[in-house]
Amino acid sequence: MRRVIRKRRTTPRVRLLHAVAVLLALGLPVLAPAIEPPAQCIAATVDDVLGAQPDPHRSEALRDLYGSQAWRPAWLETARSNADLRALIELLENAGRHGLDPDAYRPAELRRCLAATTPEHRARLDVLLSDALLRYSRDVRTGGANFPALDRQWHHDPPRFDAVAFIDELAGQPDPARHLAELPPPHEGYRRLADALAELERRRAAGNDWPQVPAGPVLEVGDTHPHVALLRTRLTREGAEDVPAPVQSPEFFDRPLAEALRAAQRRFGIAADGVLGPATRRALNRTLDERIEQVRLNLDRWRWLPDDPGERYILVNLARFRLDFIENGESVMTQKVIVGQPYLSTPAFADEMTYLVFNPYWEIPPNLGRRSVVPKQLENPDYFRDMGIEILSGWQDPKPVPLAKADLEAHQRREINYRLRQAPGPRNALGRVKFMFPNEFNVYLHDTPERELFERDVRTFSSGCVRVERPQDLAGRILAAQGWSAADVEARFQGKSDQTIPLDSPVPVYLGYWTAWVDDDGRLVYADDVYGRDEKLLAERYAGHPAAAPDREGSG
């Protein structure tokens, strides 16, 4: 629960008597209030609202809420209270801002009941409002997507929230709408995305979708084709890029149009080559409704991060190929990252970085060694020597095994289990430093000698770990908290032997998968869903299909 509210509740009847006494003392007239329903009326209304076949969780929540209050009304008060009730109904009407369906909370019926004064209507108002707020608070706090069931690589802890306890205490507070407004995630990324969703919803309400660009030939600068004119219209209609007027025919693919297309491709998270090919056509043809659902799904992903992730933490968006180092709520460093290949996708999870290793050995995962490393040695007898790969007898009391005496083919057949590791050096797969947050997936952050890969737009090249663009800068930022200078870090980078540096204070690391976000320039940007995780979630967003998590090996 984001906010624990502790205040002794008074019953509506006591509050009413207090109000009447104040009015009489001031010599003011006392207006006849709406008649509050008795307990038996509330109990009957709960049954009516739930219906003949109520959802068990919804029924249990409502009965717990009212049963704990001896079936007295939870919300009904005097005229002052009606202002609070109107504020709550207005908050439900604006639930779409958080990617929720306002009609699910029946705000129109709530307003009709609020305008009535009979005990039956007042009872229905109270119960309907409780039901709506119980569901809204749970939805806005925990979201609607069952990520662990639908995404085999989602391993964040589910958000914990007791909606009944929250609403029970909320009903006794002044200005309850203000407390309820504090439930959505407090993260800046969430707020920006919620604002972007509101703009998309306004476009949909106005009927301003964008035209489709049908399948066709690959088109580039210098080509003339009717689809070029469609491309101009499509980019102009969305309005995210500046599309200059054509110098020649609208069907002529000129360089300014190619630059606008490159900007759009970067916004779509695909290779920015300025060419209208199949992948670009697919991205352009995502409808407004599809983009809205994609944004809603990503709002749900934010709900699985803790409210307080820490004063200093690392946030990695796997779909964006980006790392942010956050201090006091602000990103003080951003870097490109390389993540796992689609068949070795990097999982989404959270852990704490506790130490760094400079000039590390790379302990080659056994399966990766058999599948990829050993075959290279069998093809090239000098491969292990050139790459600094050592063979050890195993993990318990390991002894060096000379290459000439090693039976690597038997190792491939699992008849012998060698331990392969790469010594520190310029060709080490982990580079000069690795950032360790021990976890069940054997995934961590590290340097890499393959610097040229950071120039790619789509960076899925590792075997599961996250390679960082500027590891020396990241190490310096982390170790500055314990008095290290840039020169201290540089000296470790130039060393030749491995050295482990414990951190005085652990640094939380959050690996997530957001395929829609608002960038630093305020633009709504998408990723290409390189792991296909959106596809299944959007198809079965509220279904539950438990799936066992696969075995994972991190490497590089």
Protein backbone atom coordinates (compact mmCIF):
# COMPACT_ATOMS: atom_id res chain seq x y z
CA MET A 1 0.00 0.00 0.00
CA ARG A 2 1.40 3.36 -0.97
CA ARG A 3 -0.10 5.34 1.87
CA VAL A 4 -1.13 3.98 5.23
CA ILE A 5 -4.04 6.04 6.56
CA ARG A 6 -4.70 5.75 10.26
CA LYS A 7 -7.59 7.61 11.76
CA ARG A 8 -10.41 6.56 14.02
CA ARG A 9 -13.63 6.50 12.10
CA THR A 10 -16.89 8.00 13.31
CA THR A 11 -20.20 6.70 12.10
CA PRO A 12 -22.28 8.76 9.64
CA ARG A 13 -24.96 9.21 12.31
CA VAL A 14 -22.50 10.73 14.80
CA ARG A 15 -21.11 13.05 12.15
CA LEU A 16 -24.64 14.15 11.26
CA LEU A 17 -25.51 14.89 14.89
CA HIS A 18 -22.33 16.97 15.23
CA ALA A 19 -23.25 18.98 12.15
CA VAL A 20 -26.82 19.59 13.36
CA ALA A 21 -25.56 20.73 16.76
CA VAL A 22 -23.21 23.25 15.14
CA LEU A 23 -25.99 24.66 12.95
CA LEU A 24 -28.39 25.01 15.90
CA ALA A 25 -25.72 26.72 18.01
CA LEU A 26 -25.22 29.26 15.22
CA GLY A 27 -28.95 29.83 14.87
CA LEU A 28 -28.92 28.55 11.28
CA PRO A 29 -31.74 26.54 9.71
CA VAL A 30 -31.32 22.80 9.55
CA LEU A 31 -32.25 21.25 6.18
CA ALA A 32 -33.69 17.80 6.11
CA PRO A 33 -30.92 15.50 4.91
CA ALA A 34 -31.29 12.44 2.75
CA ILE A 35 -32.37 9.48 4.84
CA GLU A 36 -29.53 7.07 5.35
CA PRO A 37 -30.37 3.42 4.69
CA PRO A 38 -30.45 0.92 7.56
CA ALA A 39 -28.01 -1.95 7.79
CA GLN A 40 -30.43 -4.51 6.33
CA CYS A 41 -30.89 -2.27 3.29
CA ILE A 42 -27.12 -2.15 2.74
CA ALA A 43 -26.86 -5.95 3.04
CA ALA A 44 -29.64 -6.50 0.49
CA THR A 45 -28.07 -3.98 -1.87
CA VAL A 46 -24.73 -5.77 -1.73
CA ASP A 47 -26.48 -8.94 -2.93
CA ASP A 48 -28.26 -6.99 -5.66
CA VAL A 49 -25.09 -5.29 -6.92
CA LEU A 50 -23.16 -8.55 -6.97
CA GLY A 51 -25.89 -10.35 -8.93
CA ALA A 52 -26.90 -13.99 -9.10
CA GLN A 53 -23.41 -15.36 -9.88
CA PRO A 54 -20.96 -12.93 -8.28
CA ASP A 55 -17.24 -13.02 -8.86
CA PRO A 56 -15.81 -14.66 -5.69
CA HIS A 57 -13.02 -12.09 -5.19
CA ARG A 58 -15.35 -9.15 -5.73
CA SER A 59 -17.98 -10.64 -3.42
CA GLU A 60 -15.44 -11.35 -0.68
CA ALA A 61 -14.05 -7.80 -0.87
CA LEU A 62 -17.46 -6.12 -0.59
CA ARG A 63 -18.64 -8.38 2.21
CA ASP A 64 -15.40 -7.90 4.13
CA LEU A 65 -15.69 -4.13 3.77
CA TYR A 66 -19.27 -3.85 5.00
CA GLY A 67 -19.14 -6.76 7.43
CA SER A 68 -16.35 -5.05 9.35
CA GLN A 69 -18.62 -2.01 9.78
CA ALA A 70 -21.74 -3.91 10.90
CA TRP A 71 -23.29 -3.25 7.47
CA ARG A 72 -23.47 0.48 8.01
CA PRO A 73 -22.96 2.80 4.98
CA ALA A 74 -19.32 3.47 4.18
CA TRP A 75 -19.59 6.81 2.37
CA LEU A 76 -22.86 8.63 2.99
CA GLU A 77 -22.54 11.90 4.86
CA THR A 78 -24.10 15.35 4.76
CA ALA A 79 -23.80 18.04 2.07
CA ARG A 80 -20.06 18.39 2.74
CA SER A 81 -19.69 14.71 1.96
CA ASN A 82 -21.54 15.02 -1.34
CA ALA A 83 -18.72 17.21 -2.62
CA ASP A 84 -16.29 14.44 -1.70
CA LEU A 85 -18.49 11.87 -3.41
CA ARG A 86 -18.66 13.95 -6.57
CA ALA A 87 -14.84 14.18 -6.54
CA LEU A 88 -14.59 10.40 -6.26
CA ILE A 89 -17.00 9.87 -9.14
CA GLU A 90 -15.05 12.36 -11.24
CA LEU A 91 -11.86 10.45 -10.49
CA LEU A 92 -13.54 7.26 -11.75
CA GLU A 93 -14.69 9.07 -14.87
CA ASN A 94 -11.05 9.93 -15.59
CA ALA A 95 -9.77 6.38 -15.12
CA GLY A 96 -8.93 6.26 -18.83
CA ARG A 97 -5.88 8.39 -18.07
CA HIS A 98 -4.38 5.34 -16.38
CA GLY A 99 -5.27 2.96 -19.18
CA LEU A 100 -8.44 1.75 -17.43
CA ASP A 101 -12.02 1.60 -18.71
CA PRO A 102 -14.10 4.24 -16.87
CA ASP A 103 -17.38 2.50 -17.75
CA ALA A 104 -16.28 -0.53 -15.72
CA TYR A 105 -16.83 1.58 -12.58
CA ARG A 106 -20.37 2.74 -13.58
CA PRO A 107 -19.91 6.48 -12.99
CA ALA A 108 -23.15 7.42 -14.81
CA GLU A 109 -25.23 5.26 -12.45
CA LEU A 110 -23.33 6.66 -9.48
CA ARG A 111 -24.28 10.19 -10.50
CA ARG A 112 -27.95 9.21 -10.85
CA CYS A 113 -27.95 7.66 -7.40
CA LEU A 114 -26.19 10.70 -5.94
CA ALA A 115 -29.03 12.92 -7.16
CA ALA A 116 -31.68 10.77 -5.41
CA THR A 117 -32.63 10.86 -1.72
CA THR A 118 -34.56 7.65 -1.03
CA PRO A 119 -32.97 5.08 1.28
CA GLU A 120 -32.87 2.57 -1.55
CA HIS A 121 -30.99 4.93 -3.87
CA ARG A 122 -28.66 6.01 -1.09
CA ALA A 123 -27.88 2.39 -0.27
CA ARG A 124 -27.20 1.65 -3.92
CA LEU A 125 -24.96 4.72 -4.18
CA ASP A 126 -22.90 3.59 -1.21
CA VAL A 127 -22.49 -0.01 -2.35
CA LEU A 128 -21.84 0.88 -6.00
CA LEU A 129 -19.21 3.38 -4.93
CA SER A 130 -17.50 0.86 -2.66
CA ASP A 131 -17.51 -1.74 -5.41
CA ALA A 132 -16.14 0.74 -7.95
CA LEU A 133 -13.41 2.04 -5.66
CA LEU A 134 -12.33 -1.44 -4.60
CA ARG A 135 -11.90 -2.44 -8.23
CA TYR A 136 -10.40 0.88 -9.34
CA SER A 137 -7.83 0.97 -6.53
CA ARG A 138 -6.74 -2.58 -7.30
CA ASP A 139 -6.62 -1.92 -11.05
CA VAL A 140 -4.66 1.33 -10.83
CA ARG A 141 -2.27 -0.12 -8.27
CA THR A 142 -1.58 -3.60 -9.66
CA GLY A 143 -2.80 -3.45 -13.28
CA GLY A 144 -4.72 -5.96 -15.32
CA ALA A 145 -1.98 -8.03 -16.94
CA ASN A 146 -0.89 -11.33 -15.40
CA PHE A 147 2.72 -10.99 -16.54
CA PRO A 148 4.20 -14.14 -14.92
CA ALA A 149 1.53 -16.33 -16.56
CA LEU A 150 1.86 -14.81 -20.02
CA ASP A 151 5.54 -13.81 -20.18
CA ARG A 152 7.98 -16.60 -19.33
CA GLN A 153 10.79 -14.07 -18.91
CA TRP A 154 9.00 -11.72 -16.47
CA HIS A 155 10.32 -12.32 -12.95
CA HIS A 156 9.49 -9.15 -11.02
CA ASP A 157 7.67 -9.62 -7.74
CA PRO A 158 3.94 -8.88 -8.05
CA PRO A 159 2.75 -5.63 -6.45
CA ARG A 160 1.20 -6.19 -3.04
CA PHE A 161 -1.95 -4.28 -2.21
CA ASP A 162 -4.86 -4.85 0.18
CA ALA A 163 -7.73 -3.02 -1.50
CA VAL A 164 -10.24 -3.77 1.29
CA ALA A 165 -8.00 -2.34 4.02
CA PHE A 166 -7.19 0.71 1.89
CA ILE A 167 -10.83 1.51 1.04
CA ASP A 168 -12.01 0.80 4.58
CA GLU A 169 -9.66 3.45 5.94
CA LEU A 170 -10.16 5.78 3.00
CA ALA A 171 -13.90 5.98 3.73
CA GLY A 172 -13.19 7.65 7.05
CA GLN A 173 -10.89 10.37 5.69
CA PRO A 174 -11.53 13.94 4.59
CA ASP A 175 -10.90 14.52 0.88
CA PRO A 176 -10.71 10.81 -0.01
CA ALA A 177 -10.17 11.57 -3.71
CA ARG A 178 -6.80 13.15 -2.88
CA HIS A 179 -5.64 9.98 -1.11
CA LEU A 180 -6.91 7.79 -3.94
CA ALA A 181 -5.04 9.92 -6.50
CA GLU A 182 -1.77 8.88 -4.81
CA LEU A 183 -2.20 5.22 -5.78
CA PRO A 184 -0.81 5.22 -9.36
CA PRO A 185 2.94 4.67 -9.78
CA PRO A 186 4.91 7.81 -8.82
CA HIS A 187 7.56 7.30 -11.52
CA GLU A 188 8.18 10.03 -14.07
CA GLY A 189 8.16 7.46 -16.87
CA TYR A 190 4.64 6.42 -15.87
CA ARG A 191 3.36 10.00 -15.71
CA ARG A 192 4.78 10.84 -19.14
CA LEU A 193 3.27 7.73 -20.66
CA ALA A 194 -0.12 8.43 -19.07
CA ASP A 195 -0.08 11.92 -20.62
CA ALA A 196 0.78 10.40 -24.01
CA LEU A 197 -2.10 7.95 -23.66
CA ALA A 198 -4.51 10.82 -23.02
CA GLU A 199 -3.40 12.44 -26.28
CA LEU A 200 -3.90 9.17 -28.19
CA GLU A 201 -7.36 8.82 -26.68
CA ARG A 202 -8.22 12.36 -27.79
CA ARG A 203 -7.14 11.46 -31.32
CA ARG A 204 -9.34 8.38 -31.29
CA ALA A 205 -12.32 10.31 -29.96
CA ALA A 206 -11.87 12.80 -32.81
CA GLY A 207 -11.62 9.98 -35.38
CA ASN A 208 -8.09 10.97 -36.38
CA ASP A 209 -6.52 7.62 -37.25
CA TRP A 210 -3.78 7.42 -39.87
CA PRO A 211 -3.96 5.78 -43.31
CA GLN A 212 -2.47 2.39 -44.10
CA VAL A 213 0.48 1.81 -46.41
CA PRO A 214 -0.26 -1.50 -48.19
CA ALA A 215 2.28 -4.17 -49.04
CA GLY A 216 4.43 -3.31 -51.98
CA PRO A 217 7.96 -2.99 -53.31
CA VAL A 218 10.96 -1.74 -51.37
CA LEU A 219 11.17 2.01 -52.04
CA GLU A 220 14.06 4.41 -51.44
CA VAL A 221 15.42 7.79 -52.50
CA GLY A 222 15.00 8.32 -56.25
CA ASP A 223 12.01 5.99 -56.68
CA THR A 224 8.62 7.12 -57.94
CA HIS A 225 5.57 5.17 -56.77
CA PRO A 226 2.00 5.89 -55.53
CA HIS A 227 2.99 4.45 -52.12
CA VAL A 228 5.45 7.32 -51.68
CA ALA A 229 2.53 9.75 -51.62
CA LEU A 230 0.79 7.47 -49.10
CA LEU A 231 3.94 7.49 -46.97
CA ARG A 232 3.94 11.30 -46.96
CA THR A 233 0.30 11.37 -45.89
CA ARG A 234 0.85 8.73 -43.22
CA LEU A 235 3.77 10.56 -41.57
CA THR A 236 2.05 13.93 -41.85
CA ARG A 237 -1.20 12.64 -40.33
CA GLU A 238 0.54 11.28 -37.23
CA GLY A 239 2.42 14.56 -36.92
CA ALA A 240 5.47 13.28 -35.04
CA GLU A 241 7.95 14.14 -37.80
CA ASP A 242 8.43 17.24 -39.92
CA VAL A 243 7.63 16.18 -43.50
CA PRO A 244 8.71 18.91 -45.96
CA ALA A 245 6.51 19.55 -48.99
CA PRO A 246 7.75 17.68 -52.07
CA VAL A 247 9.86 19.64 -54.53
CA GLN A 248 8.67 17.42 -57.36
CA SER A 249 5.71 15.04 -57.50
CA PRO A 250 4.34 13.73 -54.15
CA GLU A 251 5.05 10.25 -55.54
CA PHE A 252 8.80 10.99 -55.86
CA PHE A 253 10.92 9.70 -52.97
CA ASP A 254 13.24 12.63 -52.21
CA ARG A 255 15.95 12.99 -49.54
CA PRO A 256 13.90 15.15 -47.12
CA LEU A 257 11.25 12.42 -47.06
CA ALA A 258 13.96 9.83 -46.37
CA GLU A 259 15.18 11.89 -43.40
CA ALA A 260 11.65 12.11 -42.03
CA LEU A 261 11.27 8.36 -42.48
CA ARG A 262 14.56 7.73 -40.63
CA ALA A 263 13.24 9.75 -37.70
CA ALA A 264 10.02 7.71 -37.76
CA GLN A 265 11.96 4.45 -37.92
CA ARG A 266 13.96 5.46 -34.85
CA ARG A 267 10.66 6.26 -33.13
CA PHE A 268 9.37 2.81 -34.08
CA GLY A 269 12.51 1.07 -32.82
CA ILE A 270 13.55 -0.41 -36.17
CA ALA A 271 16.64 0.02 -38.35
CA ALA A 272 16.75 3.67 -39.45
CA ASP A 273 17.77 3.25 -43.09
CA GLY A 274 15.29 5.65 -44.71
CA VAL A 275 13.93 2.83 -46.86
CA LEU A 276 10.27 1.82 -47.09
CA GLY A 277 10.60 -1.94 -46.66
CA PRO A 278 8.45 -4.70 -45.08
CA ALA A 279 9.44 -3.95 -41.45
CA THR A 280 8.75 -0.23 -41.92
CA ARG A 281 5.39 -0.92 -43.54
CA ARG A 282 4.42 -3.12 -40.61
CA ALA A 283 5.35 -0.40 -38.12
CA LEU A 284 3.50 2.27 -40.10
CA ASN A 285 0.40 0.11 -40.26
CA ARG A 286 -0.03 -0.33 -36.53
CA THR A 287 -3.44 1.25 -35.99
CA LEU A 288 -4.23 3.90 -33.42
CA ASP A 289 -6.22 1.33 -31.44
CA GLU A 290 -3.21 -1.01 -31.41
CA ARG A 291 -0.89 1.74 -30.21
CA ILE A 292 -3.33 2.65 -27.44
CA GLU A 293 -3.38 -0.96 -26.25
CA GLN A 294 0.41 -1.08 -26.40
CA VAL A 295 0.67 2.03 -24.21
CA ARG A 296 -1.86 0.61 -21.74
CA LEU A 297 0.18 -2.58 -21.46
CA ASN A 298 3.32 -0.58 -20.73
CA LEU A 299 1.56 1.42 -18.03
CA ASP A 300 0.86 -1.93 -16.39
CA ARG A 301 4.57 -2.78 -16.54
CA TRP A 302 5.37 0.35 -14.53
CA ARG A 303 3.01 -0.87 -11.80
CA TRP A 304 5.34 -3.79 -11.08
CA LEU A 305 8.21 -1.54 -10.03
CA PRO A 306 8.44 -0.58 -6.35
CA ASP A 307 7.18 2.86 -5.36
CA ASP A 308 10.55 3.63 -3.83
CA PRO A 309 13.24 1.99 -6.00
CA GLY A 310 16.03 3.64 -4.01
CA GLU A 311 18.03 6.87 -3.94
CA ARG A 312 20.52 5.40 -6.46
CA TYR A 313 19.57 2.65 -8.86
CA ILE A 314 20.06 1.34 -12.37
CA LEU A 315 17.12 0.96 -14.74
CA VAL A 316 17.59 -1.02 -17.95
CA ASN A 317 14.93 -1.00 -20.63
CA LEU A 318 15.69 -4.14 -22.61
CA ALA A 319 13.38 -3.22 -25.48
CA ARG A 320 14.93 0.26 -25.74
CA PHE A 321 18.54 -1.00 -25.42
CA ARG A 322 19.18 1.71 -22.84
CA LEU A 323 20.52 2.00 -19.30
CA ASP A 324 19.72 4.89 -16.96
CA PHE A 325 21.58 5.57 -13.74
CA ILE A 326 19.07 7.28 -11.44
CA GLU A 327 19.97 9.45 -8.46
CA ASN A 328 17.29 11.17 -6.37
CA GLY A 329 14.69 10.54 -9.05
CA GLU A 330 16.74 12.01 -11.93
CA SER A 331 18.63 10.20 -14.67
CA VAL A 332 22.26 11.32 -14.31
CA MET A 333 23.71 8.95 -16.91
CA THR A 334 22.35 7.13 -19.94
CA GLN A 335 24.11 4.50 -21.99
CA LYS A 336 23.38 2.19 -24.88
CA VAL A 337 23.26 -1.49 -24.02
CA ILE A 338 23.38 -4.78 -25.89
CA VAL A 339 20.93 -7.44 -24.72
CA GLY A 340 20.28 -11.12 -25.37
CA GLN A 341 19.54 -12.55 -28.77
CA PRO A 342 15.85 -13.44 -29.27
CA TYR A 343 16.45 -17.14 -28.55
CA LEU A 344 18.55 -16.21 -25.47
CA SER A 345 16.45 -13.26 -24.38
CA THR A 346 17.43 -11.31 -21.28
CA PRO A 347 14.85 -11.77 -18.50
CA ALA A 348 13.10 -8.92 -16.73
CA PHE A 349 13.80 -8.97 -12.98
CA ALA A 350 15.24 -6.95 -10.10
CA ASP A 351 18.20 -7.52 -7.80
CA GLU A 352 20.96 -5.63 -5.97
CA MET A 353 24.47 -5.01 -7.28
CA THR A 354 26.89 -5.87 -4.48
CA TYR A 355 30.34 -5.92 -6.10
CA LEU A 356 32.39 -5.18 -9.23
CA VAL A 357 35.13 -7.32 -10.75
CA PHE A 358 37.86 -5.59 -12.73
CA ASN A 359 39.70 -7.64 -15.37
CA PRO A 360 37.44 -10.62 -14.75
CA TYR A 361 37.75 -14.18 -15.87
CA TRP A 362 34.84 -15.29 -18.02
CA GLU A 363 33.46 -18.56 -16.74
CA ILE A 364 31.98 -19.97 -19.93
CA PRO A 365 28.57 -21.57 -19.25
CA PRO A 366 28.81 -25.32 -19.99
CA ASN A 367 26.01 -25.43 -22.54
CA LEU A 368 27.34 -22.37 -24.37
CA GLY A 369 30.81 -23.88 -24.34
CA ARG A 370 29.65 -27.15 -25.88
CA ARG A 371 27.37 -25.42 -28.39
CA SER A 372 29.55 -22.54 -29.57
CA VAL A 373 33.07 -22.35 -28.10
CA VAL A 374 34.37 -25.91 -28.41
CA PRO A 375 33.35 -26.23 -32.10
CA LYS A 376 35.54 -23.21 -32.90
CA GLN A 377 38.53 -24.90 -31.31
CA LEU A 378 37.84 -28.12 -33.19
CA GLU A 379 37.84 -26.13 -36.45
CA ASN A 380 40.87 -24.01 -35.52
CA PRO A 381 43.52 -25.63 -33.26
CA ASP A 382 44.81 -22.18 -32.24
CA TYR A 383 41.45 -20.75 -31.18
CA PHE A 384 41.72 -21.41 -27.42
CA ARG A 385 45.30 -20.09 -27.33
CA ASP A 386 44.46 -16.95 -29.30
CA MET A 387 41.40 -16.23 -27.15
CA GLY A 388 43.06 -17.01 -23.82
CA ILE A 389 40.67 -19.86 -22.99
CA GLU A 390 41.83 -22.25 -20.26
CA ILE A 391 40.68 -25.79 -19.57
CA LEU A 392 40.24 -26.90 -15.95
CA SER A 393 39.40 -30.34 -14.63
CA GLY A 394 36.19 -29.16 -12.98
CA TRP A 395 34.88 -26.96 -10.18
CA GLN A 396 35.92 -28.94 -7.14
CA ASP A 397 39.70 -28.63 -6.61
CA PRO A 398 40.22 -27.72 -10.31
CA LYS A 399 43.52 -28.45 -12.01
CA PRO A 400 44.75 -27.12 -15.38
CA VAL A 401 44.29 -29.51 -18.28
CA PRO A 402 46.82 -29.07 -21.12
CA LEU A 403 45.07 -28.51 -24.43
CA ALA A 404 47.01 -31.36 -26.01
CA LYS A 405 45.63 -33.79 -23.43
CA ALA A 406 42.02 -32.52 -23.39
CA ASP A 407 39.37 -34.67 -25.08
CA LEU A 408 37.02 -31.90 -26.23
CA GLU A 409 34.89 -34.24 -28.31
CA ALA A 410 34.16 -36.30 -25.20
CA HIS A 411 33.34 -33.04 -23.44
CA GLN A 412 30.84 -32.25 -26.18
CA ARG A 413 29.24 -35.66 -25.68
CA ARG A 414 29.07 -34.95 -21.91
CA GLU A 415 31.28 -37.93 -21.18
CA ILE A 416 33.76 -35.50 -19.58
CA ASN A 417 32.83 -32.24 -17.88
CA TYR A 418 35.58 -29.68 -18.25
CA ARG A 419 35.43 -26.17 -16.88
CA LEU A 420 36.27 -23.58 -19.56
CA ARG A 421 37.21 -20.02 -18.69
CA GLN A 422 38.71 -17.07 -20.51
CA ALA A 423 41.56 -15.23 -18.82
CA PRO A 424 41.55 -11.45 -18.39
CA GLY A 425 42.77 -9.52 -21.39
CA PRO A 426 41.75 -7.37 -24.36
CA ARG A 427 39.80 -10.20 -26.01
CA ASN A 428 37.92 -11.29 -22.89
CA ALA A 429 34.18 -11.47 -23.64
CA LEU A 430 33.42 -9.52 -20.43
CA GLY A 431 35.90 -6.74 -21.23
CA ARG A 432 37.55 -4.95 -18.34
CA VAL A 433 34.78 -5.01 -15.74
CA LYS A 434 31.62 -6.80 -14.76
CA PHE A 435 28.93 -5.46 -12.44
CA MET A 436 27.58 -8.24 -10.25
CA PHE A 437 24.10 -8.62 -8.79
CA PRO A 438 24.02 -12.40 -8.15
CA ASN A 439 20.79 -13.94 -9.42
CA GLU A 440 19.33 -17.26 -10.50
CA PHE A 441 19.65 -16.36 -14.19
CA ASN A 442 23.42 -15.72 -14.07
CA VAL A 443 22.78 -12.39 -15.80
CA TYR A 444 24.84 -9.28 -15.07
CA LEU A 445 26.17 -6.09 -16.67
CA HIS A 446 29.61 -6.04 -18.25
CA ASP A 447 32.04 -4.47 -20.69
CA THR A 448 32.65 -5.95 -24.16
CA PRO A 449 35.46 -5.80 -26.75
CA GLU A 450 32.86 -5.68 -29.56
CA ARG A 451 32.45 -1.90 -29.49
CA GLU A 452 31.14 -1.64 -33.05
CA LEU A 453 27.85 -3.31 -32.11
CA PHE A 454 26.75 -0.25 -30.14
CA GLU A 455 26.32 1.59 -33.46
CA ARG A 456 23.47 -0.73 -34.47
CA ASP A 457 19.88 0.42 -33.95
CA VAL A 458 18.69 -3.02 -32.84
CA ARG A 459 21.18 -4.49 -30.35
CA THR A 460 20.29 -8.11 -29.60
CA PHE A 461 23.68 -9.83 -29.75
CA SER A 462 24.52 -11.20 -26.30
CA SER A 463 23.82 -14.60 -24.77
CA GLY A 464 21.62 -13.10 -22.07
CA CYS A 465 23.80 -10.64 -20.15
CA VAL A 466 23.69 -6.87 -20.66
CA ARG A 467 26.75 -5.25 -22.26
CA VAL A 468 27.18 -1.56 -21.46
CA GLU A 469 28.50 1.12 -23.78
CA ARG A 470 30.73 3.07 -21.35
CA PRO A 471 31.61 0.69 -18.50
CA GLN A 472 34.37 2.89 -17.12
CA ASP A 473 31.96 5.80 -16.68
CA LEU A 474 29.41 3.52 -15.01
CA ALA A 475 32.02 2.09 -12.65
CA GLY A 476 33.18 5.60 -11.80
CA ARG A 477 29.65 6.74 -10.99
CA ILE A 478 29.01 3.73 -8.77
CA LEU A 479 32.34 3.87 -6.91
CA ALA A 480 32.29 7.65 -6.46
CA ALA A 481 29.92 7.00 -3.55
CA GLN A 482 32.77 5.30 -1.69
CA GLY A 483 35.45 7.86 -2.47
CA TRP A 484 36.93 6.56 -5.71
CA SER A 485 38.32 9.06 -8.21
CA ALA A 486 38.32 8.73 -12.00
CA ALA A 487 42.04 8.00 -11.78
CA ASP A 488 41.39 5.12 -9.36
CA VAL A 489 38.96 3.53 -11.82
CA GLU A 490 41.33 4.12 -14.75
CA ALA A 491 44.13 2.34 -12.89
CA ARG A 492 41.94 -0.74 -12.38
CA PHE A 493 40.99 -0.73 -16.05
CA GLN A 494 44.65 -0.80 -17.01
CA GLY A 495 45.44 -3.66 -14.64
CA LYS A 496 46.12 -7.23 -15.73
CA SER A 497 44.82 -9.32 -12.85
CA ASP A 498 41.26 -9.74 -11.65
CA GLN A 499 40.20 -7.73 -8.61
CA THR A 500 36.88 -7.80 -6.77
CA ILE A 501 35.58 -4.54 -5.25
CA PRO A 502 32.70 -4.90 -2.76
CA LEU A 503 30.19 -2.05 -2.67
CA ASP A 504 29.64 -0.31 0.65
CA SER A 505 25.95 0.12 -0.25
CA PRO A 506 24.19 -2.19 -2.73
CA VAL A 507 22.81 -0.56 -5.88
CA PRO A 508 19.38 -1.85 -6.96
CA VAL A 509 19.17 -2.95 -10.60
CA TYR A 510 15.85 -3.16 -12.45
CA LEU A 511 15.68 -4.89 -15.82
CA GLY A 512 12.37 -4.15 -17.51
CA TYR A 513 10.76 -4.42 -20.92
CA TRP A 514 8.93 -1.27 -22.00
CA THR A 515 7.96 -1.10 -25.66
CA ALA A 516 6.42 2.38 -25.39
CA TRP A 517 7.78 5.41 -23.56
CA VAL A 518 8.11 9.19 -23.85
CA ASP A 519 11.65 10.22 -24.70
CA ASP A 520 13.67 13.17 -23.42
CA ASP A 521 12.23 15.37 -26.20
CA GLY A 522 8.66 14.61 -25.16
CA ARG A 523 7.90 12.27 -28.08
CA LEU A 524 5.98 9.03 -27.71
CA VAL A 525 8.41 6.35 -28.91
CA TYR A 526 7.91 2.64 -29.50
CA ALA A 527 10.16 -0.41 -29.59
CA ASP A 528 9.96 -3.21 -32.10
CA ASP A 529 9.08 -5.88 -29.48
CA VAL A 530 12.25 -7.79 -30.33
CA TYR A 531 11.34 -10.62 -27.95
CA GLY A 532 7.69 -10.88 -29.00
CA ARG A 533 6.51 -10.37 -25.43
CA ASP A 534 3.86 -7.79 -26.31
CA GLU A 535 2.24 -10.00 -28.90
CA LYS A 536 1.10 -12.69 -26.49
CA LEU A 537 0.24 -10.26 -23.69
CA LEU A 538 -1.92 -8.14 -25.97
CA ALA A 539 -3.67 -11.22 -27.33
CA GLU A 540 -4.37 -12.74 -23.91
CA ARG A 541 -3.97 -9.74 -21.64
CA TYR A 542 -6.36 -10.80 -18.92
CA ALA A 543 -6.13 -14.58 -19.39
CA GLY A 544 -4.19 -16.84 -17.04
CA HIS A 545 -2.11 -19.55 -18.64
CA PRO A 546 0.58 -20.64 -16.16
CA ALA A 547 3.87 -21.48 -17.77
CA ALA A 548 6.99 -22.78 -16.13
CA ALA A 549 10.01 -20.53 -16.38
CA PRO A 550 12.71 -22.03 -18.60
CA ASP A 551 16.22 -22.80 -17.45
CA ARG A 552 18.56 -19.89 -18.15
CA GLU A 553 22.25 -19.40 -18.54
CA GLY A 554 23.81 -15.96 -18.62
CA SER A 555 27.06 -15.50 -20.46
CA GLY A 556 27.87 -12.43 -22.48
